[in-house]
Amino acid sequence: MKFIKTLPFESILDKDVLDCGLWQSETNECEFHNDKKVGKCDDSGYYYGTTSEREPKFCARHFYELVVNGNGTDNYKLSR
């Protein structure tokens, strides 16, 4: 997983406010890649999450459909 850049918004994970980051990987690093209920991952090779290597990463499709919209996670949302 290679860090690309810090994005111009923050995430709220539980009660912590964290910088969001864009990552790139040749392997699928999406937290939902094995979840048959949410459908196929975006295959661009770019992943979104915080700037921390330890926190979950999401493909573009699942980041916007599940994380930003809050349909797949209950403790992770974007701030402005």
N, C-alpha and C. Protein backbone atom coordinates (compact mmCIF):
# COMPACT_ATOMS: atom_id res chain seq x y z
N MET A 1 0.85 -1.17 0.00
CA MET A 1 0.00 0.00 0.00
C MET A 1 0.90 1.23 0.00
N LYS A 2 0.69 2.08 -0.99
CA LYS A 2 1.50 3.28 -1.13
C LYS A 2 0.63 4.51 -0.87
N PHE A 3 1.07 5.39 0.04
CA PHE A 3 0.35 6.61 0.33
C PHE A 3 0.53 7.59 -0.83
N ILE A 4 -0.58 8.19 -1.31
CA ILE A 4 -0.53 9.14 -2.42
C ILE A 4 -0.62 10.58 -1.91
N LYS A 5 -1.69 10.91 -1.16
CA LYS A 5 -1.84 12.28 -0.68
C LYS A 5 -2.91 12.38 0.40
N THR A 6 -2.85 13.47 1.15
CA THR A 6 -3.89 13.80 2.13
C THR A 6 -5.01 14.50 1.37
N LEU A 7 -6.25 14.12 1.66
CA LEU A 7 -7.41 14.68 0.99
C LEU A 7 -7.93 15.91 1.74
N PRO A 8 -8.71 16.77 1.08
CA PRO A 8 -9.14 18.03 1.69
C PRO A 8 -10.37 17.92 2.60
N PHE A 9 -10.52 16.80 3.29
CA PHE A 9 -11.58 16.64 4.27
C PHE A 9 -11.10 15.70 5.36
N GLU A 10 -11.86 15.63 6.43
CA GLU A 10 -11.49 14.79 7.57
C GLU A 10 -12.54 13.71 7.76
N SER A 11 -12.16 12.69 8.51
CA SER A 11 -13.11 11.64 8.87
C SER A 11 -13.27 11.63 10.38
N ILE A 12 -14.41 11.13 10.81
CA ILE A 12 -14.66 10.96 12.23
C ILE A 12 -14.80 9.47 12.45
N LEU A 13 -13.86 8.89 13.15
CA LEU A 13 -13.86 7.46 13.45
C LEU A 13 -14.08 7.35 14.94
N ASP A 14 -15.26 6.88 15.32
CA ASP A 14 -15.71 6.95 16.70
C ASP A 14 -15.72 8.42 17.09
N LYS A 15 -14.87 8.87 18.01
CA LYS A 15 -14.85 10.29 18.39
C LYS A 15 -13.57 10.99 17.96
N ASP A 16 -12.72 10.30 17.23
CA ASP A 16 -11.46 10.88 16.77
C ASP A 16 -11.64 11.51 15.40
N VAL A 17 -11.13 12.73 15.23
CA VAL A 17 -11.15 13.40 13.93
C VAL A 17 -9.80 13.16 13.28
N LEU A 18 -9.81 12.55 12.08
CA LEU A 18 -8.59 12.13 11.41
C LEU A 18 -8.54 12.66 9.98
N ASP A 19 -7.34 12.94 9.49
CA ASP A 19 -7.17 13.33 8.09
C ASP A 19 -7.48 12.14 7.19
N CYS A 20 -8.10 12.39 6.05
CA CYS A 20 -8.37 11.35 5.06
C CYS A 20 -7.22 11.28 4.06
N GLY A 21 -6.97 10.09 3.57
CA GLY A 21 -5.88 9.91 2.63
C GLY A 21 -6.27 9.05 1.44
N LEU A 22 -5.54 9.24 0.37
CA LEU A 22 -5.68 8.43 -0.84
C LEU A 22 -4.48 7.51 -0.91
N TRP A 23 -4.73 6.24 -1.16
CA TRP A 23 -3.71 5.20 -1.20
C TRP A 23 -3.80 4.46 -2.52
N GLN A 24 -2.73 3.77 -2.88
CA GLN A 24 -2.72 2.96 -4.10
C GLN A 24 -2.10 1.61 -3.78
N SER A 25 -2.68 0.56 -4.39
CA SER A 25 -2.17 -0.79 -4.17
C SER A 25 -2.48 -1.65 -5.39
N GLU A 26 -1.61 -2.60 -5.67
CA GLU A 26 -1.85 -3.53 -6.77
C GLU A 26 -2.77 -4.68 -6.35
N THR A 27 -2.95 -4.86 -5.05
CA THR A 27 -3.87 -5.88 -4.56
C THR A 27 -5.08 -5.20 -3.94
N ASN A 28 -6.20 -5.89 -3.90
CA ASN A 28 -7.42 -5.31 -3.35
C ASN A 28 -7.30 -5.18 -1.84
N GLU A 29 -7.31 -3.96 -1.35
CA GLU A 29 -7.17 -3.67 0.07
C GLU A 29 -8.48 -3.21 0.70
N CYS A 30 -9.58 -3.26 -0.04
CA CYS A 30 -10.87 -2.77 0.45
C CYS A 30 -11.38 -3.65 1.59
N GLU A 31 -11.86 -2.99 2.65
CA GLU A 31 -12.42 -3.71 3.79
C GLU A 31 -13.62 -4.57 3.40
N PHE A 32 -14.30 -4.21 2.31
CA PHE A 32 -15.50 -4.93 1.90
C PHE A 32 -15.26 -5.90 0.75
N HIS A 33 -14.01 -6.19 0.39
CA HIS A 33 -13.77 -7.00 -0.81
C HIS A 33 -14.28 -8.43 -0.72
N ASN A 34 -14.48 -8.96 0.47
CA ASN A 34 -15.02 -10.32 0.61
C ASN A 34 -16.50 -10.33 1.00
N ASP A 35 -17.11 -9.17 1.08
CA ASP A 35 -18.51 -9.08 1.50
C ASP A 35 -19.42 -9.17 0.28
N LYS A 36 -20.06 -10.30 0.11
CA LYS A 36 -20.91 -10.55 -1.06
C LYS A 36 -22.16 -9.67 -1.07
N LYS A 37 -22.58 -9.16 0.09
CA LYS A 37 -23.80 -8.36 0.19
C LYS A 37 -23.65 -6.97 -0.44
N VAL A 38 -22.44 -6.44 -0.51
CA VAL A 38 -22.26 -5.05 -0.97
C VAL A 38 -21.82 -4.94 -2.43
N GLY A 39 -21.56 -6.04 -3.08
CA GLY A 39 -21.21 -6.01 -4.50
C GLY A 39 -19.72 -5.84 -4.75
N LYS A 40 -19.39 -5.85 -6.03
CA LYS A 40 -17.99 -5.81 -6.47
C LYS A 40 -17.30 -4.50 -6.10
N CYS A 41 -16.02 -4.61 -5.87
CA CYS A 41 -15.19 -3.44 -5.61
C CYS A 41 -14.85 -2.72 -6.90
N ASP A 42 -14.58 -1.44 -6.79
CA ASP A 42 -14.00 -0.66 -7.88
C ASP A 42 -12.59 -1.21 -8.09
N ASP A 43 -12.16 -1.35 -9.32
CA ASP A 43 -10.86 -1.97 -9.58
C ASP A 43 -9.79 -0.97 -10.03
N SER A 44 -9.93 0.29 -9.65
CA SER A 44 -8.98 1.32 -10.06
C SER A 44 -7.61 1.18 -9.40
N GLY A 45 -7.56 0.51 -8.25
CA GLY A 45 -6.30 0.39 -7.51
C GLY A 45 -6.09 1.50 -6.51
N TYR A 46 -7.07 2.42 -6.41
CA TYR A 46 -7.00 3.50 -5.43
C TYR A 46 -7.92 3.20 -4.25
N TYR A 47 -7.46 3.56 -3.07
CA TYR A 47 -8.20 3.27 -1.85
C TYR A 47 -8.24 4.50 -0.96
N TYR A 48 -9.33 4.64 -0.23
CA TYR A 48 -9.57 5.80 0.62
C TYR A 48 -9.68 5.35 2.06
N GLY A 49 -9.26 6.21 2.93
CA GLY A 49 -9.35 5.96 4.37
C GLY A 49 -8.66 7.10 5.08
N THR A 50 -8.13 6.84 6.24
CA THR A 50 -7.38 7.86 6.94
C THR A 50 -5.93 7.83 6.44
N THR A 51 -5.13 8.76 6.92
CA THR A 51 -3.72 8.77 6.55
C THR A 51 -2.92 7.74 7.33
N SER A 52 -3.53 7.10 8.30
CA SER A 52 -2.86 6.06 9.08
C SER A 52 -2.83 4.73 8.33
N GLU A 53 -1.68 4.10 8.29
CA GLU A 53 -1.57 2.78 7.66
C GLU A 53 -2.39 1.73 8.37
N ARG A 54 -2.65 1.92 9.66
CA ARG A 54 -3.34 0.91 10.47
C ARG A 54 -4.86 0.91 10.31
N GLU A 55 -5.42 2.01 9.83
CA GLU A 55 -6.87 2.12 9.74
C GLU A 55 -7.39 1.47 8.46
N PRO A 56 -8.69 1.09 8.43
CA PRO A 56 -9.27 0.44 7.24
C PRO A 56 -9.18 1.30 6.00
N LYS A 57 -9.10 0.65 4.84
CA LYS A 57 -9.09 1.30 3.54
C LYS A 57 -10.27 0.77 2.73
N PHE A 58 -10.77 1.60 1.81
CA PHE A 58 -11.95 1.25 1.03
C PHE A 58 -11.74 1.61 -0.43
N CYS A 59 -12.21 0.77 -1.35
CA CYS A 59 -12.17 1.12 -2.77
C CYS A 59 -13.09 2.33 -2.98
N ALA A 60 -12.98 2.98 -4.13
CA ALA A 60 -13.79 4.18 -4.39
C ALA A 60 -15.29 3.89 -4.27
N ARG A 61 -15.72 2.80 -4.85
CA ARG A 61 -17.16 2.48 -4.82
C ARG A 61 -17.67 2.31 -3.40
N HIS A 62 -17.00 1.51 -2.62
CA HIS A 62 -17.46 1.26 -1.26
C HIS A 62 -17.24 2.45 -0.34
N PHE A 63 -16.22 3.24 -0.61
CA PHE A 63 -16.00 4.44 0.19
C PHE A 63 -17.18 5.39 0.04
N TYR A 64 -17.60 5.65 -1.18
CA TYR A 64 -18.70 6.59 -1.40
C TYR A 64 -20.06 5.99 -1.10
N GLU A 65 -20.30 4.74 -1.46
CA GLU A 65 -21.60 4.13 -1.23
C GLU A 65 -21.82 3.77 0.24
N LEU A 66 -20.79 3.28 0.91
CA LEU A 66 -20.99 2.75 2.25
C LEU A 66 -20.44 3.64 3.36
N VAL A 67 -19.28 4.22 3.15
CA VAL A 67 -18.68 5.03 4.21
C VAL A 67 -19.26 6.43 4.21
N VAL A 68 -19.20 7.13 3.08
CA VAL A 68 -19.69 8.51 3.04
C VAL A 68 -21.19 8.56 3.31
N ASN A 69 -21.94 7.65 2.71
CA ASN A 69 -23.39 7.62 2.93
C ASN A 69 -23.77 7.00 4.26
N GLY A 70 -22.83 6.32 4.91
CA GLY A 70 -23.11 5.72 6.22
C GLY A 70 -23.93 4.45 6.14
N ASN A 71 -24.03 3.84 4.97
CA ASN A 71 -24.85 2.64 4.83
C ASN A 71 -24.14 1.36 5.25
N GLY A 72 -22.82 1.40 5.36
CA GLY A 72 -22.10 0.18 5.68
C GLY A 72 -21.34 0.25 6.99
N THR A 73 -21.19 1.44 7.52
CA THR A 73 -20.47 1.60 8.79
C THR A 73 -21.28 2.50 9.69
N ASP A 74 -21.17 2.27 10.98
CA ASP A 74 -21.91 3.13 11.90
C ASP A 74 -20.98 3.99 12.75
N ASN A 75 -19.67 3.87 12.57
CA ASN A 75 -18.76 4.65 13.39
C ASN A 75 -17.81 5.50 12.57
N TYR A 76 -18.01 5.61 11.27
CA TYR A 76 -17.09 6.30 10.40
C TYR A 76 -17.89 7.24 9.51
N LYS A 77 -17.60 8.53 9.56
CA LYS A 77 -18.27 9.48 8.68
C LYS A 77 -17.34 10.62 8.35
N LEU A 78 -17.69 11.39 7.34
CA LEU A 78 -16.86 12.52 6.93
C LEU A 78 -17.28 13.79 7.63
N SER A 79 -16.30 14.64 7.88
CA SER A 79 -16.59 15.99 8.36
C SER A 79 -16.19 16.94 7.24
N ARG A 80 -16.48 18.18 7.37
CA ARG A 80 -16.14 19.11 6.30
C ARG A 80 -14.74 19.63 6.41
